[in-house]
Amino acid sequence: DRVMVMHSGKVVGELTGAECTQEAVMRLATGGS
């Protein structure tokens, strides 16, 4: 229902609805926005 993304031991973002795409998750997971 929601995806919380972590990077380097911290939460870097939360995605839900239409904004929750594979591309957005990967971008956050690799340290991007």
PDB file of all heavy atoms in Angstrom:
ATOM      1  N   ASP A   1       0.830  -1.199   0.000  1.00  0.00           N
ATOM      2  CA  ASP A   1       0.000   0.000   0.000  1.00  0.00           C
ATOM      3  C   ASP A   1       0.871   1.259   0.000  1.00  0.00           C
ATOM      4  O   ASP A   1       0.515   2.271  -0.589  1.00  0.00           O
ATOM      5  CB  ASP A   1      -0.913   0.009   1.234  1.00  0.00           C
ATOM      6  CG  ASP A   1      -1.881  -1.157   1.224  1.00  0.00           C
ATOM      7  OD1 ASP A   1      -2.776  -1.160   0.358  1.00  0.00           O
ATOM      8  OD2 ASP A   1      -1.745  -2.061   2.058  1.00  0.00           O
ATOM      9  N   ARG A   2       1.986   1.167   0.700  1.00  0.00           N
ATOM     10  CA  ARG A   2       2.997   2.229   0.702  1.00  0.00           C
ATOM     11  C   ARG A   2       4.364   1.566   0.641  1.00  0.00           C
ATOM     12  O   ARG A   2       4.513   0.427   1.072  1.00  0.00           O
ATOM     13  CB  ARG A   2       2.941   3.063   1.999  1.00  0.00           C
ATOM     14  CG  ARG A   2       1.756   3.962   2.156  1.00  0.00           C
ATOM     15  CD  ARG A   2       1.872   4.766   3.457  1.00  0.00           C
ATOM     16  NE  ARG A   2       1.746   3.927   4.645  1.00  0.00           N
ATOM     17  CZ  ARG A   2       2.567   3.947   5.677  1.00  0.00           C
ATOM     18  NH1 ARG A   2       3.633   4.755   5.684  1.00  0.00           N
ATOM     19  NH2 ARG A   2       2.364   3.163   6.735  1.00  0.00           N
ATOM     20  N   VAL A   3       5.346   2.296   0.124  1.00  0.00           N
ATOM     21  CA  VAL A   3       6.710   1.775   0.099  1.00  0.00           C
ATOM     22  C   VAL A   3       7.640   2.786   0.760  1.00  0.00           C
ATOM     23  O   VAL A   3       7.691   3.954   0.360  1.00  0.00           O
ATOM     24  CB  VAL A   3       7.192   1.489  -1.340  1.00  0.00           C
ATOM     25  CG1 VAL A   3       8.663   1.049  -1.325  1.00  0.00           C
ATOM     26  CG2 VAL A   3       6.333   0.413  -1.993  1.00  0.00           C
ATOM     27  N   MET A   4       8.346   2.329   1.786  1.00  0.00           N
ATOM     28  CA  MET A   4       9.369   3.120   2.460  1.00  0.00           C
ATOM     29  C   MET A   4      10.722   2.652   1.933  1.00  0.00           C
ATOM     30  O   MET A   4      10.998   1.455   1.900  1.00  0.00           O
ATOM     31  CB  MET A   4       9.271   2.897   3.973  1.00  0.00           C
ATOM     32  CG  MET A   4      10.220   3.706   4.811  1.00  0.00           C
ATOM     33  SD  MET A   4       9.884   3.451   6.596  1.00  0.00           S
ATOM     34  CE  MET A   4      10.756   1.903   6.888  1.00  0.00           C
ATOM     35  N   VAL A   5      11.536   3.595   1.499  1.00  0.00           N
ATOM     36  CA  VAL A   5      12.808   3.242   0.878  1.00  0.00           C
ATOM     37  C   VAL A   5      13.953   3.632   1.803  1.00  0.00           C
ATOM     38  O   VAL A   5      13.968   4.730   2.372  1.00  0.00           O
ATOM     39  CB  VAL A   5      12.980   3.939  -0.491  1.00  0.00           C
ATOM     40  CG1 VAL A   5      14.253   3.440  -1.176  1.00  0.00           C
ATOM     41  CG2 VAL A   5      11.770   3.681  -1.385  1.00  0.00           C
ATOM     42  N   MET A   6      14.915   2.689   1.954  1.00  0.00           N
ATOM     43  CA  MET A   6      16.073   2.935   2.799  1.00  0.00           C
ATOM     44  C   MET A   6      17.352   2.987   1.966  1.00  0.00           C
ATOM     45  O   MET A   6      17.475   2.310   0.937  1.00  0.00           O
ATOM     46  CB  MET A   6      16.188   1.856   3.878  1.00  0.00           C
ATOM     47  CG  MET A   6      15.035   1.851   4.861  1.00  0.00           C
ATOM     48  SD  MET A   6      15.273   0.669   6.239  1.00  0.00           S
ATOM     49  CE  MET A   6      16.668   1.436   7.101  1.00  0.00           C
ATOM     50  N   HIS A   7      18.283   3.793   2.440  1.00  0.00           N
ATOM     51  CA  HIS A   7      19.599   3.921   1.787  1.00  0.00           C
ATOM     52  C   HIS A   7      20.617   4.268   2.860  1.00  0.00           C
ATOM     53  O   HIS A   7      20.411   5.206   3.642  1.00  0.00           O
ATOM     54  CB  HIS A   7      19.568   5.014   0.714  1.00  0.00           C
ATOM     55  CG  HIS A   7      20.906   5.290   0.089  1.00  0.00           C
ATOM     56  ND1 HIS A   7      21.502   4.422  -0.804  1.00  0.00           N
ATOM     57  CD2 HIS A   7      21.771   6.337   0.225  1.00  0.00           C
ATOM     58  CE1 HIS A   7      22.660   4.909  -1.186  1.00  0.00           C
ATOM     59  NE2 HIS A   7      22.852   6.070  -0.581  1.00  0.00           N
ATOM     60  N   SER A   8      21.690   3.493   2.951  1.00  0.00           N
ATOM     61  CA  SER A   8      22.768   3.744   3.916  1.00  0.00           C
ATOM     62  C   SER A   8      22.255   3.833   5.354  1.00  0.00           C
ATOM     63  O   SER A   8      22.658   4.713   6.111  1.00  0.00           O
ATOM     64  CB  SER A   8      23.538   5.014   3.540  1.00  0.00           C
ATOM     65  OG  SER A   8      24.146   4.869   2.275  1.00  0.00           O
ATOM     66  N   GLY A   9      21.318   2.948   5.707  1.00  0.00           N
ATOM     67  CA  GLY A   9      20.856   2.868   7.078  1.00  0.00           C
ATOM     68  C   GLY A   9      19.804   3.869   7.493  1.00  0.00           C
ATOM     69  O   GLY A   9      19.442   3.933   8.672  1.00  0.00           O
ATOM     70  N   LYS A  10      19.299   4.645   6.563  1.00  0.00           N
ATOM     71  CA  LYS A  10      18.276   5.624   6.917  1.00  0.00           C
ATOM     72  C   LYS A  10      17.133   5.604   5.908  1.00  0.00           C
ATOM     73  O   LYS A  10      17.292   5.139   4.769  1.00  0.00           O
ATOM     74  CB  LYS A  10      18.883   7.025   7.006  1.00  0.00           C
ATOM     75  CG  LYS A  10      19.523   7.511   5.720  1.00  0.00           C
ATOM     76  CD  LYS A  10      20.197   8.855   5.936  1.00  0.00           C
ATOM     77  CE  LYS A  10      20.874   9.350   4.652  1.00  0.00           C
ATOM     78  NZ  LYS A  10      21.567  10.641   4.858  1.00  0.00           N
ATOM     79  N   VAL A  11      15.988   6.114   6.327  1.00  0.00           N
ATOM     80  CA  VAL A  11      14.833   6.221   5.434  1.00  0.00           C
ATOM     81  C   VAL A  11      15.013   7.468   4.568  1.00  0.00           C
ATOM     82  O   VAL A  11      15.216   8.566   5.084  1.00  0.00           O
ATOM     83  CB  VAL A  11      13.525   6.324   6.244  1.00  0.00           C
ATOM     84  CG1 VAL A  11      12.336   6.527   5.310  1.00  0.00           C
ATOM     85  CG2 VAL A  11      13.324   5.068   7.098  1.00  0.00           C
ATOM     86  N   VAL A  12      14.960   7.273   3.250  1.00  0.00           N
ATOM     87  CA  VAL A  12      15.198   8.392   2.336  1.00  0.00           C
ATOM     88  C   VAL A  12      13.938   8.822   1.594  1.00  0.00           C
ATOM     89  O   VAL A  12      13.960   9.806   0.847  1.00  0.00           O
ATOM     90  CB  VAL A  12      16.309   8.051   1.327  1.00  0.00           C
ATOM     91  CG1 VAL A  12      17.644   7.932   2.037  1.00  0.00           C
ATOM     92  CG2 VAL A  12      15.988   6.767   0.558  1.00  0.00           C
ATOM     93  N   GLY A  13      12.843   8.110   1.806  1.00  0.00           N
ATOM     94  CA  GLY A  13      11.611   8.527   1.143  1.00  0.00           C
ATOM     95  C   GLY A  13      10.496   7.528   1.330  1.00  0.00           C
ATOM     96  O   GLY A  13      10.716   6.382   1.751  1.00  0.00           O
ATOM     97  N   GLU A  14       9.286   7.978   1.065  1.00  0.00           N
ATOM     98  CA  GLU A  14       8.106   7.119   1.129  1.00  0.00           C
ATOM     99  C   GLU A  14       7.248   7.405  -0.091  1.00  0.00           C
ATOM    100  O   GLU A  14       7.029   8.562  -0.454  1.00  0.00           O
ATOM    101  CB  GLU A  14       7.319   7.397   2.410  1.00  0.00           C
ATOM    102  CG  GLU A  14       6.149   6.458   2.622  1.00  0.00           C
ATOM    103  CD  GLU A  14       5.415   6.730   3.924  1.00  0.00           C
ATOM    104  OE1 GLU A  14       5.988   6.470   4.997  1.00  0.00           O
ATOM    105  OE2 GLU A  14       4.273   7.220   3.853  1.00  0.00           O
ATOM    106  N   LEU A  15       6.790   6.345  -0.735  1.00  0.00           N
ATOM    107  CA  LEU A  15       6.039   6.475  -1.976  1.00  0.00           C
ATOM    108  C   LEU A  15       4.683   5.794  -1.833  1.00  0.00           C
ATOM    109  O   LEU A  15       4.554   4.760  -1.182  1.00  0.00           O
ATOM    110  CB  LEU A  15       6.807   5.824  -3.124  1.00  0.00           C
ATOM    111  CG  LEU A  15       8.209   6.387  -3.408  1.00  0.00           C
ATOM    112  CD1 LEU A  15       8.978   5.440  -4.319  1.00  0.00           C
ATOM    113  CD2 LEU A  15       8.124   7.779  -4.010  1.00  0.00           C
ATOM    114  N   THR A  16       3.686   6.387  -2.455  1.00  0.00           N
ATOM    115  CA  THR A  16       2.348   5.809  -2.424  1.00  0.00           C
ATOM    116  C   THR A  16       1.611   6.185  -3.696  1.00  0.00           C
ATOM    117  O   THR A  16       1.972   7.152  -4.386  1.00  0.00           O
ATOM    118  CB  THR A  16       1.563   6.299  -1.193  1.00  0.00           C
ATOM    119  OG1 THR A  16       0.325   5.585  -1.107  1.00  0.00           O
ATOM    120  CG2 THR A  16       1.274   7.790  -1.269  1.00  0.00           C
ATOM    121  N   GLY A  17       0.576   5.425  -4.020  1.00  0.00           N
ATOM    122  CA  GLY A  17      -0.254   5.750  -5.172  1.00  0.00           C
ATOM    123  C   GLY A  17       0.515   5.755  -6.481  1.00  0.00           C
ATOM    124  O   GLY A  17       1.433   4.946  -6.695  1.00  0.00           O
ATOM    125  N   ALA A  18       0.161   6.687  -7.357  1.00  0.00           N
ATOM    126  CA  ALA A  18       0.754   6.749  -8.690  1.00  0.00           C
ATOM    127  C   ALA A  18       2.250   7.051  -8.662  1.00  0.00           C
ATOM    128  O   ALA A  18       2.983   6.718  -9.599  1.00  0.00           O
ATOM    129  CB  ALA A  18       0.033   7.803  -9.530  1.00  0.00           C
ATOM    130  N   GLU A  19       2.721   7.691  -7.593  1.00  0.00           N
ATOM    131  CA  GLU A  19       4.150   8.019  -7.505  1.00  0.00           C
ATOM    132  C   GLU A  19       5.008   6.808  -7.177  1.00  0.00           C
ATOM    133  O   GLU A  19       6.228   6.846  -7.316  1.00  0.00           O
ATOM    134  CB  GLU A  19       4.380   9.094  -6.442  1.00  0.00           C
ATOM    135  CG  GLU A  19       4.114   8.633  -5.016  1.00  0.00           C
ATOM    136  CD  GLU A  19       4.366   9.703  -3.972  1.00  0.00           C
ATOM    137  OE1 GLU A  19       4.757  10.829  -4.359  1.00  0.00           O
ATOM    138  OE2 GLU A  19       4.183   9.409  -2.773  1.00  0.00           O
ATOM    139  N   CYS A  20       4.372   5.723  -6.750  1.00  0.00           N
ATOM    140  CA  CYS A  20       5.112   4.522  -6.341  1.00  0.00           C
ATOM    141  C   CYS A  20       5.363   3.648  -7.570  1.00  0.00           C
ATOM    142  O   CYS A  20       4.593   2.738  -7.885  1.00  0.00           O
ATOM    143  CB  CYS A  20       4.339   3.756  -5.274  1.00  0.00           C
ATOM    144  SG  CYS A  20       5.285   2.388  -4.577  1.00  0.00           S
ATOM    145  N   THR A  21       6.428   3.927  -8.259  1.00  0.00           N
ATOM    146  CA  THR A  21       6.824   3.160  -9.434  1.00  0.00           C
ATOM    147  C   THR A  21       8.163   2.486  -9.165  1.00  0.00           C
ATOM    148  O   THR A  21       8.907   2.865  -8.253  1.00  0.00           O
ATOM    149  CB  THR A  21       6.962   4.065 -10.665  1.00  0.00           C
ATOM    150  OG1 THR A  21       8.032   5.005 -10.431  1.00  0.00           O
ATOM    151  CG2 THR A  21       5.668   4.828 -10.936  1.00  0.00           C
ATOM    152  N   GLN A  22       8.478   1.491  -9.988  1.00  0.00           N
ATOM    153  CA  GLN A  22       9.760   0.813  -9.831  1.00  0.00           C
ATOM    154  C   GLN A  22      10.921   1.788 -10.031  1.00  0.00           C
ATOM    155  O   GLN A  22      11.930   1.720  -9.325  1.00  0.00           O
ATOM    156  CB  GLN A  22       9.864  -0.323 -10.841  1.00  0.00           C
ATOM    157  CG  GLN A  22       8.844  -1.434 -10.619  1.00  0.00           C
ATOM    158  CD  GLN A  22       8.995  -2.574 -11.595  1.00  0.00           C
ATOM    159  OE1 GLN A  22      10.106  -3.025 -11.860  1.00  0.00           O
ATOM    160  NE2 GLN A  22       7.883  -3.046 -12.133  1.00  0.00           N
ATOM    161  N   GLU A  23      10.752   2.702 -10.971  1.00  0.00           N
ATOM    162  CA  GLU A  23      11.809   3.673 -11.241  1.00  0.00           C
ATOM    163  C   GLU A  23      12.031   4.587 -10.048  1.00  0.00           C
ATOM    164  O   GLU A  23      13.175   4.880  -9.675  1.00  0.00           O
ATOM    165  CB  GLU A  23      11.461   4.504 -12.483  1.00  0.00           C
ATOM    166  CG  GLU A  23      11.450   3.725 -13.787  1.00  0.00           C
ATOM    167  CD  GLU A  23      10.190   2.894 -13.981  1.00  0.00           C
ATOM    168  OE1 GLU A  23       9.233   3.045 -13.174  1.00  0.00           O
ATOM    169  OE2 GLU A  23      10.174   2.066 -14.913  1.00  0.00           O
ATOM    170  N   ALA A  24      10.938   5.052  -9.420  1.00  0.00           N
ATOM    171  CA  ALA A  24      11.062   5.955  -8.273  1.00  0.00           C
ATOM    172  C   ALA A  24      11.714   5.241  -7.088  1.00  0.00           C
ATOM    173  O   ALA A  24      12.547   5.818  -6.379  1.00  0.00           O
ATOM    174  CB  ALA A  24       9.685   6.494  -7.885  1.00  0.00           C
ATOM    175  N   VAL A  25      11.340   3.972  -6.870  1.00  0.00           N
ATOM    176  CA  VAL A  25      11.940   3.200  -5.782  1.00  0.00           C
ATOM    177  C   VAL A  25      13.439   3.033  -6.014  1.00  0.00           C
ATOM    178  O   VAL A  25      14.258   3.253  -5.117  1.00  0.00           O
ATOM    179  CB  VAL A  25      11.258   1.823  -5.644  1.00  0.00           C
ATOM    180  CG1 VAL A  25      12.036   0.934  -4.660  1.00  0.00           C
ATOM    181  CG2 VAL A  25       9.820   1.979  -5.171  1.00  0.00           C
ATOM    182  N   MET A  26      13.819   2.659  -7.232  1.00  0.00           N
ATOM    183  CA  MET A  26      15.235   2.463  -7.526  1.00  0.00           C
ATOM    184  C   MET A  26      16.030   3.753  -7.413  1.00  0.00           C
ATOM    185  O   MET A  26      17.163   3.768  -6.917  1.00  0.00           O
ATOM    186  CB  MET A  26      15.395   1.863  -8.936  1.00  0.00           C
ATOM    187  CG  MET A  26      16.856   1.591  -9.312  1.00  0.00           C
ATOM    188  SD  MET A  26      17.697   0.490  -8.133  1.00  0.00           S
ATOM    189  CE  MET A  26      16.991  -1.079  -8.611  1.00  0.00           C
ATOM    190  N   ARG A  27      15.425   4.857  -7.809  1.00  0.00           N
ATOM    191  CA  ARG A  27      16.108   6.139  -7.723  1.00  0.00           C
ATOM    192  C   ARG A  27      16.429   6.485  -6.263  1.00  0.00           C
ATOM    193  O   ARG A  27      17.532   6.903  -5.930  1.00  0.00           O
ATOM    194  CB  ARG A  27      15.240   7.234  -8.357  1.00  0.00           C
ATOM    195  CG  ARG A  27      15.987   8.519  -8.724  1.00  0.00           C
ATOM    196  CD  ARG A  27      15.110   9.493  -9.474  1.00  0.00           C
ATOM    197  NE  ARG A  27      14.786   8.978 -10.809  1.00  0.00           N
ATOM    198  CZ  ARG A  27      13.555   8.697 -11.223  1.00  0.00           C
ATOM    199  NH1 ARG A  27      12.531   8.861 -10.414  1.00  0.00           N
ATOM    200  NH2 ARG A  27      13.354   8.256 -12.426  1.00  0.00           N
ATOM    201  N   LEU A  28      15.446   6.276  -5.387  1.00  0.00           N
ATOM    202  CA  LEU A  28      15.671   6.534  -3.972  1.00  0.00           C
ATOM    203  C   LEU A  28      16.659   5.538  -3.371  1.00  0.00           C
ATOM    204  O   LEU A  28      17.528   5.904  -2.575  1.00  0.00           O
ATOM    205  CB  LEU A  28      14.344   6.460  -3.200  1.00  0.00           C
ATOM    206  CG  LEU A  28      13.389   7.637  -3.348  1.00  0.00           C
ATOM    207  CD1 LEU A  28      12.021   7.281  -2.778  1.00  0.00           C
ATOM    208  CD2 LEU A  28      13.946   8.883  -2.670  1.00  0.00           C
ATOM    209  N   ALA A  29      16.545   4.293  -3.765  1.00  0.00           N
ATOM    210  CA  ALA A  29      17.394   3.255  -3.195  1.00  0.00           C
ATOM    211  C   ALA A  29      18.867   3.458  -3.535  1.00  0.00           C
ATOM    212  O   ALA A  29      19.753   3.008  -2.803  1.00  0.00           O
ATOM    213  CB  ALA A  29      16.936   1.879  -3.674  1.00  0.00           C
ATOM    214  N   THR A  30      19.120   4.134  -4.656  1.00  0.00           N
ATOM    215  CA  THR A  30      20.500   4.376  -5.069  1.00  0.00           C
ATOM    216  C   THR A  30      20.998   5.756  -4.657  1.00  0.00           C
ATOM    217  O   THR A  30      22.043   6.213  -5.113  1.00  0.00           O
ATOM    218  CB  THR A  30      20.644   4.212  -6.591  1.00  0.00           C
ATOM    219  OG1 THR A  30      19.659   5.018  -7.266  1.00  0.00           O
ATOM    220  CG2 THR A  30      20.440   2.759  -7.005  1.00  0.00           C
ATOM    221  N   GLY A  31      20.208   6.435  -3.806  1.00  0.00           N
ATOM    222  CA  GLY A  31      20.670   7.703  -3.251  1.00  0.00           C
ATOM    223  C   GLY A  31      20.189   8.932  -3.992  1.00  0.00           C
ATOM    224  O   GLY A  31      20.589  10.055  -3.653  1.00  0.00           O
ATOM    225  N   GLY A  32      19.299   8.752  -4.970  1.00  0.00           N
ATOM    226  CA  GLY A  32      18.780   9.899  -5.708  1.00  0.00           C
ATOM    227  C   GLY A  32      17.498  10.426  -5.072  1.00  0.00           C
ATOM    228  O   GLY A  32      17.115  10.048  -3.973  1.00  0.00           O
ATOM    229  N   SER A  33      16.795  11.282  -5.793  1.00  0.00           N
ATOM    230  CA  SER A  33      15.529  11.839  -5.333  1.00  0.00           C
ATOM    231  C   SER A  33      14.401  11.044  -5.936  1.00  0.00           C
ATOM    232  O   SER A  33      14.565  10.289  -6.896  1.00  0.00           O
ATOM    233  CB  SER A  33      15.402  13.308  -5.738  1.00  0.00           C
ATOM    234  OG  SER A  33      15.418  13.454  -7.141  1.00  0.00           O
TER     235      SER A  33
END
